Amino acid sequence: MAGPLLRVAVINDFLHVFEPATDWSRLAGVATVDFFHDHLDSADKAAVRLAPYDIVVTERERTHFDAGLLERLPRLRLLVTTGTHNRYIDFAAAQRLNITVCKTEGILHAAPELAMTLMLALMRRVVIDNDSLRAGGWQTGLGRSLRGKTLGIVGLGVTGPQMVRLAEAFGMLTVAWSPHLTDERARAAGTRRVPFDELLTTADVVSVHMVLADSTRGLIGARELGLMKTDAYLVNTSRGALVDEPALIEALRERRIAGAGLDVYATEPLPKEHPLRGLNNVILTPHTGYVTDEQYALCFGQAVENILAFAAGQPVRVMTHT
C-alpha cells in the first residue's frame, strides 16, 4: 500500500514562472507541490513556512539554509537547489540531519551575455539616452566604441573564456587574471595573463567572473578601484561580495571611475533605499544574469527528476559541498 504523498515547497518564485517552466504533473501520485512567491528574508519566516514540508526546492542562493534553519525543519528530507553550487547551504549540517541535497545543471552562456549587455549599455550610454528621450530630450553625450578597447577579465574559469570570445567578436583586446591562472591556460582561452594591478590600470572595462570564497571576498576594494582609469567601467555579474560595495559607491559618487554595470549585490534583493539606486553612472539589473527561459526549463525540469529519483530511493545529482 502506498504511503502518504510527499509535500514539496517551491520557494522564492518572485516572477511566478517556476510552475510553467516544466511539467510538475509528473509528480502526481508521488508528491503535492506548493509554490511561494515572496522572499523568505529571515530564518524565522523560513522555519514557519517550511516546517510542514518533506522537500524544498530553492532558487540558487535566495534563502540561507544554515544549521539553525535546517534544525528547525524536522520533516525535511530533500533540499533541491537550482544550479551547480550554493554557498548558502550548510552541507555538514544537512548530512548530520540526514537531509539529501541535490543540484541541477545550468546553462553557462546566459551570464556572459548579460555582462556584454551591461558593457555595451555603459559604453554606448543606452540607459542615459533612453531616459533623456522619455523625458522629452535628445542626445546626451558621446558614446564609446568597443573596438580597440581592452577588456580585463577577472577570473578565467567557466564564464571568463566565453567573455574572451564575445569580446573578440566586437574587436576588443583582452587580458585576464585569477590567482592560479597560468600562461598556458590563458593562451588556450585566447587571451593573455597579466598581473592583477596591470589589468586594473590598463583595462577600459573590468569584468568580474570569480567564485566567491573567503579568499576572494572584497577582492576589488578601494585600492583596486583607485588603480582603474577614470574613464573605465566595472562590470560584475558574479557575486556582489567580490567587490567592496561602500568603496565602489564612493568611487562612483566621486567619478573616480566612469561607471559600473551590476547584476549582483552584497544584500539581495537590493534594499529600496540603497545608495546604488540613486547613482546615475551605474546600470543595475536584479541578479538576472542566469535567468532565462531556457535556464528555468532545464533547472526545474531536473528538479522534478531529482524528486522522482529521491522518492524511488535512488537520488541523483547529489551535492556534498558548495
C-alpha atoms as a PDB file:
ATOM      1  CA  MET A   1       0.000   0.000   0.000  1.00  0.00           C
ATOM      2  CA  ALA A   2       1.399   3.378  -0.996  1.00  0.00           C
ATOM      3  CA  GLY A   3       2.353   5.791   1.765  1.00  0.00           C
ATOM      4  CA  PRO A   4       1.261   9.416   2.095  1.00  0.00           C
ATOM      5  CA  LEU A   5       2.246  11.831  -0.623  1.00  0.00           C
ATOM      6  CA  LEU A   6       5.403  13.850  -0.096  1.00  0.00           C
ATOM      7  CA  ARG A   7       4.885  17.575   0.426  1.00  0.00           C
ATOM      8  CA  VAL A   8       7.030  19.845  -1.758  1.00  0.00           C
ATOM      9  CA  ALA A   9       7.554  23.593  -1.289  1.00  0.00           C
ATOM     10  CA  VAL A  10       8.979  25.554  -4.239  1.00  0.00           C
ATOM     11  CA  ILE A  11      10.136  28.882  -2.823  1.00  0.00           C
ATOM     12  CA  ASN A  12      11.293  32.322  -3.976  1.00  0.00           C
ATOM     13  CA  ASP A  13       9.349  32.305  -7.245  1.00  0.00           C
ATOM     14  CA  PHE A  14       9.392  36.099  -7.479  1.00  0.00           C
ATOM     15  CA  LEU A  15       8.164  36.171 -11.084  1.00  0.00           C
ATOM     16  CA  HIS A  16       5.557  33.392 -10.869  1.00  0.00           C
ATOM     17  CA  VAL A  17       7.493  31.473 -13.551  1.00  0.00           C
ATOM     18  CA  PHE A  18       8.705  28.305 -11.826  1.00  0.00           C
ATOM     19  CA  GLU A  19       5.402  26.463 -12.244  1.00  0.00           C
ATOM     20  CA  PRO A  20       5.056  26.975 -16.018  1.00  0.00           C
ATOM     21  CA  ALA A  21       8.776  26.274 -16.548  1.00  0.00           C
ATOM     22  CA  THR A  22       8.215  22.495 -16.542  1.00  0.00           C
ATOM     23  CA  ASP A  23       5.602  19.766 -16.163  1.00  0.00           C
ATOM     24  CA  TRP A  24       5.156  19.368 -12.418  1.00  0.00           C
ATOM     25  CA  SER A  25       2.247  16.968 -13.024  1.00  0.00           C
ATOM     26  CA  ARG A  26       4.902  14.254 -13.387  1.00  0.00           C
ATOM     27  CA  LEU A  27       4.848  14.200  -9.573  1.00  0.00           C
ATOM     28  CA  ALA A  28       1.201  13.134  -9.465  1.00  0.00           C
ATOM     29  CA  GLY A  29       0.797  10.204  -7.100  1.00  0.00           C
ATOM     30  CA  VAL A  30       4.203  10.935  -5.554  1.00  0.00           C
ATOM     31  CA  ALA A  31       4.009  14.454  -4.173  1.00  0.00           C
ATOM     32  CA  THR A  32       1.918  17.577  -3.831  1.00  0.00           C
ATOM     33  CA  VAL A  33       3.564  20.884  -4.737  1.00  0.00           C
ATOM     34  CA  ASP A  34       3.036  24.378  -3.330  1.00  0.00           C
ATOM     35  CA  PHE A  35       4.615  27.468  -4.924  1.00  0.00           C
ATOM     36  CA  PHE A  36       5.589  30.542  -2.910  1.00  0.00           C
ATOM     37  CA  HIS A  37       6.377  33.905  -4.458  1.00  0.00           C
ATOM     38  CA  ASP A  38       7.665  36.052  -1.600  1.00  0.00           C
ATOM     39  CA  HIS A  39      11.192  36.399  -0.280  1.00  0.00           C
ATOM     40  CA  LEU A  40      11.933  34.498   2.927  1.00  0.00           C
ATOM     41  CA  ASP A  41      14.322  37.061   4.360  1.00  0.00           C
ATOM     42  CA  SER A  42      14.691  35.625   7.863  1.00  0.00           C
ATOM     43  CA  ALA A  43      15.242  32.226   9.430  1.00  0.00           C
ATOM     44  CA  ASP A  44      12.057  32.614  11.469  1.00  0.00           C
ATOM     45  CA  LYS A  45       9.922  33.206   8.370  1.00  0.00           C
ATOM     46  CA  ALA A  46      11.559  30.289   6.584  1.00  0.00           C
ATOM     47  CA  ALA A  47      11.136  27.935   9.546  1.00  0.00           C
ATOM     48  CA  VAL A  48       7.437  28.682   9.910  1.00  0.00           C
ATOM     49  CA  ARG A  49       6.794  28.399   6.178  1.00  0.00           C
ATOM     50  CA  LEU A  50       8.781  25.245   5.518  1.00  0.00           C
ATOM     51  CA  ALA A  51       8.230  23.164   8.674  1.00  0.00           C
ATOM     52  CA  PRO A  52       5.374  21.116   7.124  1.00  0.00           C
ATOM     53  CA  TYR A  53       7.356  20.074   4.046  1.00  0.00           C
ATOM     54  CA  ASP A  54       9.371  16.959   3.222  1.00  0.00           C
ATOM     55  CA  ILE A  55      11.070  18.534   0.203  1.00  0.00           C
ATOM     56  CA  VAL A  56      12.100  22.116  -0.569  1.00  0.00           C
ATOM     57  CA  VAL A  57      13.129  23.401  -3.988  1.00  0.00           C
ATOM     58  CA  THR A  58      15.080  26.652  -3.695  1.00  0.00           C
ATOM     59  CA  GLU A  59      16.260  29.046  -6.359  1.00  0.00           C
ATOM     60  CA  ARG A  60      20.028  29.338  -6.108  1.00  0.00           C
ATOM     61  CA  GLU A  61      21.167  31.496  -3.186  1.00  0.00           C
ATOM     62  CA  ARG A  62      17.991  33.349  -2.275  1.00  0.00           C
ATOM     63  CA  THR A  63      17.499  31.708   1.137  1.00  0.00           C
ATOM     64  CA  HIS A  64      20.146  30.750   3.707  1.00  0.00           C
ATOM     65  CA  PHE A  65      19.846  27.108   4.763  1.00  0.00           C
ATOM     66  CA  ASP A  66      22.256  27.255   7.668  1.00  0.00           C
ATOM     67  CA  ALA A  67      22.379  24.754  10.518  1.00  0.00           C
ATOM     68  CA  GLY A  68      19.989  26.793  12.646  1.00  0.00           C
ATOM     69  CA  LEU A  69      17.273  26.739   9.986  1.00  0.00           C
ATOM     70  CA  LEU A  70      17.790  23.107   8.965  1.00  0.00           C
ATOM     71  CA  GLU A  71      17.439  22.028  12.586  1.00  0.00           C
ATOM     72  CA  ARG A  72      14.015  23.713  12.682  1.00  0.00           C
ATOM     73  CA  LEU A  73      12.725  21.692   9.716  1.00  0.00           C
ATOM     74  CA  PRO A  74      12.087  18.247  11.232  1.00  0.00           C
ATOM     75  CA  ARG A  75      10.289  16.838   8.197  1.00  0.00           C
ATOM     76  CA  LEU A  76      12.811  17.983   5.590  1.00  0.00           C
ATOM     77  CA  ARG A  77      14.469  15.083   3.800  1.00  0.00           C
ATOM     78  CA  LEU A  78      15.378  16.539   0.394  1.00  0.00           C
ATOM     79  CA  LEU A  79      16.651  20.026  -0.472  1.00  0.00           C
ATOM     80  CA  VAL A  80      16.937  20.764  -4.198  1.00  0.00           C
ATOM     81  CA  THR A  81      18.859  23.830  -5.318  1.00  0.00           C
ATOM     82  CA  THR A  82      18.923  25.096  -8.877  1.00  0.00           C
ATOM     83  CA  GLY A  83      22.419  25.406 -10.282  1.00  0.00           C
ATOM     84  CA  THR A  84      25.614  23.518  -9.608  1.00  0.00           C
ATOM     85  CA  HIS A  85      26.687  25.203  -6.364  1.00  0.00           C
ATOM     86  CA  ASN A  86      25.110  27.001  -3.438  1.00  0.00           C
ATOM     87  CA  ARG A  87      27.169  28.690  -0.715  1.00  0.00           C
ATOM     88  CA  TYR A  88      24.010  29.317   1.354  1.00  0.00           C
ATOM     89  CA  ILE A  89      23.603  25.645   2.317  1.00  0.00           C
ATOM     90  CA  ASP A  90      25.357  24.149   5.357  1.00  0.00           C
ATOM     91  CA  PHE A  91      26.220  20.763   3.873  1.00  0.00           C
ATOM     92  CA  ALA A  92      27.726  19.390   7.088  1.00  0.00           C
ATOM     93  CA  ALA A  93      24.506  20.151   8.951  1.00  0.00           C
ATOM     94  CA  ALA A  94      22.419  18.636   6.160  1.00  0.00           C
ATOM     95  CA  GLN A  95      24.442  15.430   6.326  1.00  0.00           C
ATOM     96  CA  ARG A  96      24.162  15.303  10.118  1.00  0.00           C
ATOM     97  CA  LEU A  97      20.381  15.735   9.892  1.00  0.00           C
ATOM     98  CA  ASN A  98      20.035  13.126   7.122  1.00  0.00           C
ATOM     99  CA  ILE A  99      18.890  15.696   4.561  1.00  0.00           C
ATOM    100  CA  THR A 100      19.846  14.891   0.985  1.00  0.00           C
ATOM    101  CA  VAL A 101      20.905  17.908  -1.098  1.00  0.00           C
ATOM    102  CA  CYS A 102      20.608  17.753  -4.871  1.00  0.00           C
ATOM    103  CA  LYS A 103      21.587  20.220  -7.588  1.00  0.00           C
ATOM    104  CA  THR A 104      20.656  20.803 -11.202  1.00  0.00           C
ATOM    105  CA  GLU A 105      22.724  21.610 -14.221  1.00  0.00           C
ATOM    106  CA  GLY A 106      22.832  25.112 -15.646  1.00  0.00           C
ATOM    107  CA  ILE A 107      23.165  26.944 -18.946  1.00  0.00           C
ATOM    108  CA  LEU A 108      26.548  28.641 -18.884  1.00  0.00           C
ATOM    109  CA  HIS A 109      26.216  31.244 -21.633  1.00  0.00           C
ATOM    110  CA  ALA A 110      23.487  33.355 -20.024  1.00  0.00           C
ATOM    111  CA  ALA A 111      25.636  35.341 -17.558  1.00  0.00           C
ATOM    112  CA  PRO A 112      28.368  36.247 -20.091  1.00  0.00           C
ATOM    113  CA  GLU A 113      25.652  37.515 -22.431  1.00  0.00           C
ATOM    114  CA  LEU A 114      24.376  39.845 -19.713  1.00  0.00           C
ATOM    115  CA  ALA A 115      27.917  41.000 -18.898  1.00  0.00           C
ATOM    116  CA  MET A 116      28.364  42.021 -22.539  1.00  0.00           C
ATOM    117  CA  THR A 117      24.940  43.691 -22.487  1.00  0.00           C
ATOM    118  CA  LEU A 118      25.910  45.792 -19.486  1.00  0.00           C
ATOM    119  CA  MET A 119      29.221  46.678 -21.100  1.00  0.00           C
ATOM    120  CA  LEU A 120      27.549  47.801 -24.316  1.00  0.00           C
ATOM    121  CA  ALA A 121      24.886  49.752 -22.442  1.00  0.00           C
ATOM    122  CA  LEU A 122      27.545  51.598 -20.432  1.00  0.00           C
ATOM    123  CA  MET A 123      29.828  52.385 -23.349  1.00  0.00           C
ATOM    124  CA  ARG A 124      27.016  53.499 -25.656  1.00  0.00           C
ATOM    125  CA  ARG A 125      25.043  55.394 -22.961  1.00  0.00           C
ATOM    126  CA  VAL A 126      21.914  53.343 -23.667  1.00  0.00           C
ATOM    127  CA  VAL A 127      20.159  53.916 -20.342  1.00  0.00           C
ATOM    128  CA  ILE A 128      21.070  57.613 -20.106  1.00  0.00           C
ATOM    129  CA  ASP A 129      19.855  58.325 -23.646  1.00  0.00           C
ATOM    130  CA  ASN A 130      16.712  56.240 -23.130  1.00  0.00           C
ATOM    131  CA  ASP A 131      15.891  58.267 -20.016  1.00  0.00           C
ATOM    132  CA  SER A 132      16.573  61.506 -21.904  1.00  0.00           C
ATOM    133  CA  LEU A 133      14.240  60.573 -24.741  1.00  0.00           C
ATOM    134  CA  ARG A 134      11.455  59.548 -22.367  1.00  0.00           C
ATOM    135  CA  ALA A 135      11.818  62.876 -20.584  1.00  0.00           C
ATOM    136  CA  GLY A 136      11.454  64.791 -23.876  1.00  0.00           C
ATOM    137  CA  GLY A 137      15.161  65.281 -24.559  1.00  0.00           C
ATOM    138  CA  TRP A 138      17.562  64.028 -27.203  1.00  0.00           C
ATOM    139  CA  GLN A 139      21.263  63.164 -27.284  1.00  0.00           C
ATOM    140  CA  THR A 140      23.169  63.493 -24.005  1.00  0.00           C
ATOM    141  CA  GLY A 141      26.813  62.858 -24.905  1.00  0.00           C
ATOM    142  CA  LEU A 142      29.284  60.815 -26.899  1.00  0.00           C
ATOM    143  CA  GLY A 143      29.289  57.043 -26.736  1.00  0.00           C
ATOM    144  CA  ARG A 144      32.438  54.977 -26.994  1.00  0.00           C
ATOM    145  CA  SER A 145      33.190  52.103 -29.342  1.00  0.00           C
ATOM    146  CA  LEU A 146      34.218  48.710 -28.016  1.00  0.00           C
ATOM    147  CA  ARG A 147      36.531  48.053 -30.963  1.00  0.00           C
ATOM    148  CA  GLY A 148      40.140  48.503 -29.945  1.00  0.00           C
ATOM    149  CA  LYS A 149      39.334  48.794 -26.234  1.00  0.00           C
ATOM    150  CA  THR A 150      40.784  46.434 -23.614  1.00  0.00           C
ATOM    151  CA  LEU A 151      38.592  44.126 -21.560  1.00  0.00           C
ATOM    152  CA  GLY A 152      40.170  42.966 -18.313  1.00  0.00           C
ATOM    153  CA  ILE A 153      38.663  39.629 -17.245  1.00  0.00           C
ATOM    154  CA  VAL A 154      38.996  38.859 -13.537  1.00  0.00           C
ATOM    155  CA  GLY A 155      38.581  35.093 -13.340  1.00  0.00           C
ATOM    156  CA  LEU A 156      39.114  32.715 -16.248  1.00  0.00           C
ATOM    157  CA  GLY A 157      37.157  29.687 -15.078  1.00  0.00           C
ATOM    158  CA  VAL A 158      33.844  28.814 -16.762  1.00  0.00           C
ATOM    159  CA  THR A 159      32.455  32.171 -17.899  1.00  0.00           C
ATOM    160  CA  GLY A 160      35.740  34.020 -18.398  1.00  0.00           C
ATOM    161  CA  PRO A 161      36.739  32.190 -21.613  1.00  0.00           C
ATOM    162  CA  GLN A 162      33.278  32.911 -23.020  1.00  0.00           C
ATOM    163  CA  MET A 163      33.912  36.601 -22.385  1.00  0.00           C
ATOM    164  CA  VAL A 164      37.099  36.347 -24.429  1.00  0.00           C
ATOM    165  CA  ARG A 165      35.180  35.065 -27.444  1.00  0.00           C
ATOM    166  CA  LEU A 166      32.374  37.609 -27.090  1.00  0.00           C
ATOM    167  CA  ALA A 167      34.838  40.474 -26.740  1.00  0.00           C
ATOM    168  CA  GLU A 168      36.771  39.337 -29.801  1.00  0.00           C
ATOM    169  CA  ALA A 169      33.554  39.497 -31.840  1.00  0.00           C
ATOM    170  CA  PHE A 170      33.463  43.238 -31.067  1.00  0.00           C
ATOM    171  CA  GLY A 171      37.123  43.734 -31.911  1.00  0.00           C
ATOM    172  CA  MET A 172      38.243  44.151 -28.296  1.00  0.00           C
ATOM    173  CA  LEU A 173      41.591  43.183 -26.840  1.00  0.00           C
ATOM    174  CA  THR A 174      41.518  41.017 -23.712  1.00  0.00           C
ATOM    175  CA  VAL A 175      43.751  40.377 -20.737  1.00  0.00           C
ATOM    176  CA  ALA A 176      42.992  38.104 -17.795  1.00  0.00           C
ATOM    177  CA  TRP A 177      43.961  37.421 -14.212  1.00  0.00           C
ATOM    178  CA  SER A 178      42.984  34.980 -11.496  1.00  0.00           C
ATOM    179  CA  PRO A 179      45.005  33.738  -8.517  1.00  0.00           C
ATOM    180  CA  HIS A 180      46.055  30.438 -10.085  1.00  0.00           C
ATOM    181  CA  LEU A 181      45.884  31.300 -13.779  1.00  0.00           C
ATOM    182  CA  THR A 182      48.814  30.101 -15.879  1.00  0.00           C
ATOM    183  CA  ASP A 183      50.118  31.477 -19.162  1.00  0.00           C
ATOM    184  CA  GLU A 184      49.163  28.187 -20.834  1.00  0.00           C
ATOM    185  CA  ARG A 185      45.532  28.335 -19.689  1.00  0.00           C
ATOM    186  CA  ALA A 186      45.248  31.956 -20.732  1.00  0.00           C
ATOM    187  CA  ARG A 187      46.627  31.196 -24.190  1.00  0.00           C
ATOM    188  CA  ALA A 188      44.268  28.229 -24.531  1.00  0.00           C
ATOM    189  CA  ALA A 189      41.371  30.593 -23.841  1.00  0.00           C
ATOM    190  CA  GLY A 190      42.648  33.047 -26.431  1.00  0.00           C
ATOM    191  CA  THR A 191      43.866  35.741 -24.079  1.00  0.00           C
ATOM    192  CA  ARG A 192      46.941  36.875 -22.155  1.00  0.00           C
ATOM    193  CA  ARG A 193      47.661  36.573 -18.432  1.00  0.00           C
ATOM    194  CA  VAL A 194      48.785  39.762 -16.719  1.00  0.00           C
ATOM    195  CA  PRO A 195      49.329  40.741 -13.064  1.00  0.00           C
ATOM    196  CA  PHE A 196      46.173  41.927 -11.297  1.00  0.00           C
ATOM    197  CA  ASP A 197      47.380  45.515 -10.903  1.00  0.00           C
ATOM    198  CA  GLU A 198      48.339  45.723 -14.583  1.00  0.00           C
ATOM    199  CA  LEU A 199      44.880  44.529 -15.588  1.00  0.00           C
ATOM    200  CA  LEU A 200      43.256  47.177 -13.418  1.00  0.00           C
ATOM    201  CA  THR A 201      45.433  50.031 -14.684  1.00  0.00           C
ATOM    202  CA  THR A 202      45.146  49.191 -18.400  1.00  0.00           C
ATOM    203  CA  ALA A 203      41.592  47.876 -18.930  1.00  0.00           C
ATOM    204  CA  ASP A 204      38.818  50.060 -20.327  1.00  0.00           C
ATOM    205  CA  VAL A 205      36.303  47.626 -18.832  1.00  0.00           C
ATOM    206  CA  VAL A 206      36.964  45.313 -15.879  1.00  0.00           C
ATOM    207  CA  SER A 207      34.554  42.347 -15.821  1.00  0.00           C
ATOM    208  CA  VAL A 208      34.403  40.107 -12.744  1.00  0.00           C
ATOM    209  CA  HIS A 209      33.918  36.335 -13.169  1.00  0.00           C
ATOM    210  CA  MET A 210      35.209  34.854  -9.904  1.00  0.00           C
ATOM    211  CA  VAL A 211      33.701  32.377  -7.459  1.00  0.00           C
ATOM    212  CA  LEU A 212      33.044  33.871  -4.035  1.00  0.00           C
ATOM    213  CA  ALA A 213      35.191  32.375  -1.279  1.00  0.00           C
ATOM    214  CA  ASP A 214      36.866  33.669   1.857  1.00  0.00           C
ATOM    215  CA  SER A 215      39.960  34.406  -0.221  1.00  0.00           C
ATOM    216  CA  THR A 216      38.070  36.405  -2.859  1.00  0.00           C
ATOM    217  CA  ARG A 217      35.626  38.356  -0.675  1.00  0.00           C
ATOM    218  CA  GLY A 218      36.304  42.072  -1.187  1.00  0.00           C
ATOM    219  CA  LEU A 219      38.757  41.267  -3.974  1.00  0.00           C
ATOM    220  CA  ILE A 220      38.113  44.637  -5.567  1.00  0.00           C
ATOM    221  CA  GLY A 221      38.258  47.315  -2.886  1.00  0.00           C
ATOM    222  CA  ALA A 222      39.286  50.934  -2.574  1.00  0.00           C
ATOM    223  CA  ARG A 223      42.888  50.241  -3.588  1.00  0.00           C
ATOM    224  CA  GLU A 224      41.896  48.287  -6.680  1.00  0.00           C
ATOM    225  CA  LEU A 225      39.258  50.812  -7.742  1.00  0.00           C
ATOM    226  CA  GLY A 226      41.892  53.516  -7.323  1.00  0.00           C
ATOM    227  CA  LEU A 227      44.099  51.770  -9.872  1.00  0.00           C
ATOM    228  CA  MET A 228      41.419  51.815 -12.575  1.00  0.00           C
ATOM    229  CA  LYS A 229      41.388  54.523 -15.227  1.00  0.00           C
ATOM    230  CA  THR A 230      38.944  57.354 -14.585  1.00  0.00           C
ATOM    231  CA  ASP A 231      37.163  56.556 -17.869  1.00  0.00           C
ATOM    232  CA  ALA A 232      36.987  52.806 -17.182  1.00  0.00           C
ATOM    233  CA  TYR A 233      33.922  50.780 -16.222  1.00  0.00           C
ATOM    234  CA  LEU A 234      33.427  47.909 -13.775  1.00  0.00           C
ATOM    235  CA  VAL A 235      31.008  45.068 -14.601  1.00  0.00           C
ATOM    236  CA  ASN A 236      30.075  42.450 -12.001  1.00  0.00           C
ATOM    237  CA  THR A 237      27.748  39.556 -12.836  1.00  0.00           C
ATOM    238  CA  SER A 238      29.318  37.054 -10.415  1.00  0.00           C
ATOM    239  CA  ARG A 239      28.767  37.786  -6.712  1.00  0.00           C
ATOM    240  CA  GLY A 240      28.242  41.120  -5.010  1.00  0.00           C
ATOM    241  CA  ALA A 241      30.634  40.439  -2.152  1.00  0.00           C
ATOM    242  CA  LEU A 242      33.576  40.161  -4.555  1.00  0.00           C
ATOM    243  CA  VAL A 243      33.524  43.953  -4.642  1.00  0.00           C
ATOM    244  CA  ASP A 244      33.721  46.220  -1.587  1.00  0.00           C
ATOM    245  CA  GLU A 245      30.330  47.879  -2.077  1.00  0.00           C
ATOM    246  CA  PRO A 246      30.907  51.011   0.058  1.00  0.00           C
ATOM    247  CA  ALA A 247      34.224  51.608  -1.717  1.00  0.00           C
ATOM    248  CA  LEU A 248      32.534  51.205  -5.095  1.00  0.00           C
ATOM    249  CA  ILE A 249      29.756  53.637  -4.169  1.00  0.00           C
ATOM    250  CA  GLU A 250      32.341  56.206  -3.110  1.00  0.00           C
ATOM    251  CA  ALA A 251      34.307  55.756  -6.346  1.00  0.00           C
ATOM    252  CA  LEU A 252      31.140  56.166  -8.410  1.00  0.00           C
ATOM    253  CA  ARG A 253      29.993  59.230  -6.484  1.00  0.00           C
ATOM    254  CA  GLU A 254      33.371  60.907  -6.867  1.00  0.00           C
ATOM    255  CA  ARG A 255      33.618  59.885 -10.558  1.00  0.00           C
ATOM    256  CA  ARG A 256      36.939  58.152  -9.934  1.00  0.00           C
ATOM    257  CA  ILE A 257      35.728  55.559 -12.414  1.00  0.00           C
ATOM    258  CA  ALA A 258      33.302  56.231 -15.259  1.00  0.00           C
ATOM    259  CA  GLY A 259      30.594  53.873 -14.066  1.00  0.00           C
ATOM    260  CA  ALA A 260      29.541  50.327 -13.302  1.00  0.00           C
ATOM    261  CA  GLY A 261      27.169  47.632 -14.520  1.00  0.00           C
ATOM    262  CA  LEU A 262      25.986  45.469 -11.638  1.00  0.00           C
ATOM    263  CA  ASP A 263      23.803  42.363 -11.547  1.00  0.00           C
ATOM    264  CA  VAL A 264      24.777  41.240  -8.037  1.00  0.00           C
ATOM    265  CA  TYR A 265      24.869  42.913  -4.631  1.00  0.00           C
ATOM    266  CA  ALA A 266      26.042  42.374  -1.069  1.00  0.00           C
ATOM    267  CA  THR A 267      22.395  42.163   0.042  1.00  0.00           C
ATOM    268  CA  GLU A 268      19.722  40.734  -2.256  1.00  0.00           C
ATOM    269  CA  PRO A 269      17.091  41.764  -3.099  1.00  0.00           C
ATOM    270  CA  LEU A 270      18.717  45.212  -3.156  1.00  0.00           C
ATOM    271  CA  PRO A 271      17.177  47.303  -0.334  1.00  0.00           C
ATOM    272  CA  LYS A 272      14.791  50.003  -1.545  1.00  0.00           C
ATOM    273  CA  GLU A 273      16.830  52.852  -0.042  1.00  0.00           C
ATOM    274  CA  HIS A 274      20.206  51.509  -1.139  1.00  0.00           C
ATOM    275  CA  PRO A 275      22.551  54.297  -2.352  1.00  0.00           C
ATOM    276  CA  LEU A 276      23.314  52.465  -5.600  1.00  0.00           C
ATOM    277  CA  ARG A 277      19.735  53.154  -6.688  1.00  0.00           C
ATOM    278  CA  GLY A 278      20.415  56.896  -6.675  1.00  0.00           C
ATOM    279  CA  LEU A 279      23.575  56.961  -8.793  1.00  0.00           C
ATOM    280  CA  ASN A 280      23.253  57.918 -12.460  1.00  0.00           C
ATOM    281  CA  ASN A 281      26.546  56.335 -13.574  1.00  0.00           C
ATOM    282  CA  VAL A 282      25.562  52.778 -12.704  1.00  0.00           C
ATOM    283  CA  ILE A 283      23.294  50.316 -14.521  1.00  0.00           C
ATOM    284  CA  LEU A 284      21.526  47.883 -12.193  1.00  0.00           C
ATOM    285  CA  THR A 285      19.919  44.545 -13.051  1.00  0.00           C
ATOM    286  CA  PRO A 286      18.255  42.312 -10.405  1.00  0.00           C
ATOM    287  CA  HIS A 287      20.564  39.259 -10.417  1.00  0.00           C
ATOM    288  CA  THR A 288      19.183  38.045 -13.728  1.00  0.00           C
ATOM    289  CA  GLY A 289      22.443  37.045 -15.393  1.00  0.00           C
ATOM    290  CA  TYR A 290      21.385  33.402 -15.353  1.00  0.00           C
ATOM    291  CA  VAL A 291      17.608  33.987 -15.504  1.00  0.00           C
ATOM    292  CA  THR A 292      16.353  32.923 -18.930  1.00  0.00           C
ATOM    293  CA  ASP A 293      13.503  30.734 -20.115  1.00  0.00           C
ATOM    294  CA  GLU A 294      15.942  28.040 -21.226  1.00  0.00           C
ATOM    295  CA  GLN A 295      17.665  28.098 -17.847  1.00  0.00           C
ATOM    296  CA  TYR A 296      14.471  27.632 -15.882  1.00  0.00           C
ATOM    297  CA  ALA A 297      13.170  24.890 -18.174  1.00  0.00           C
ATOM    298  CA  LEU A 298      16.395  22.956 -17.533  1.00  0.00           C
ATOM    299  CA  CYS A 299      16.648  23.655 -13.796  1.00  0.00           C
ATOM    300  CA  PHE A 300      13.070  22.921 -12.802  1.00  0.00           C
ATOM    301  CA  GLY A 301      12.756  20.004 -15.192  1.00  0.00           C
ATOM    302  CA  GLN A 302      15.728  18.449 -13.413  1.00  0.00           C
ATOM    303  CA  ALA A 303      14.288  19.429 -10.017  1.00  0.00           C
ATOM    304  CA  VAL A 304      11.260  17.259 -10.824  1.00  0.00           C
ATOM    305  CA  GLU A 305      13.604  14.448 -11.900  1.00  0.00           C
ATOM    306  CA  ASN A 306      15.513  14.819  -8.616  1.00  0.00           C
ATOM    307  CA  ILE A 307      12.308  14.483  -6.603  1.00  0.00           C
ATOM    308  CA  LEU A 308      11.177  11.413  -8.533  1.00  0.00           C
ATOM    309  CA  ALA A 309      14.570   9.760  -8.130  1.00  0.00           C
ATOM    310  CA  PHE A 310      14.631  10.519  -4.395  1.00  0.00           C
ATOM    311  CA  ALA A 311      11.111   9.137  -3.948  1.00  0.00           C
ATOM    312  CA  ALA A 312      12.264   5.955  -5.706  1.00  0.00           C
ATOM    313  CA  GLY A 313      15.183   5.628  -3.288  1.00  0.00           C
ATOM    314  CA  GLN A 314      17.837   6.414  -5.912  1.00  0.00           C
ATOM    315  CA  PRO A 315      18.739  10.124  -5.568  1.00  0.00           C
ATOM    316  CA  VAL A 316      20.595  11.771  -8.448  1.00  0.00           C
ATOM    317  CA  ARG A 317      22.767  14.893  -8.740  1.00  0.00           C
ATOM    318  CA  VAL A 318      23.597  14.687  -5.027  1.00  0.00           C
ATOM    319  CA  MET A 319      25.705  17.512  -3.577  1.00  0.00           C
ATOM    320  CA  THR A 320      28.006  17.141  -0.576  1.00  0.00           C
ATOM    321  CA  HIS A 321      29.675  20.575  -0.668  1.00  0.00           C
ATOM    322  CA  THR A 322      29.319  24.041  -2.179  1.00  0.00           C
END
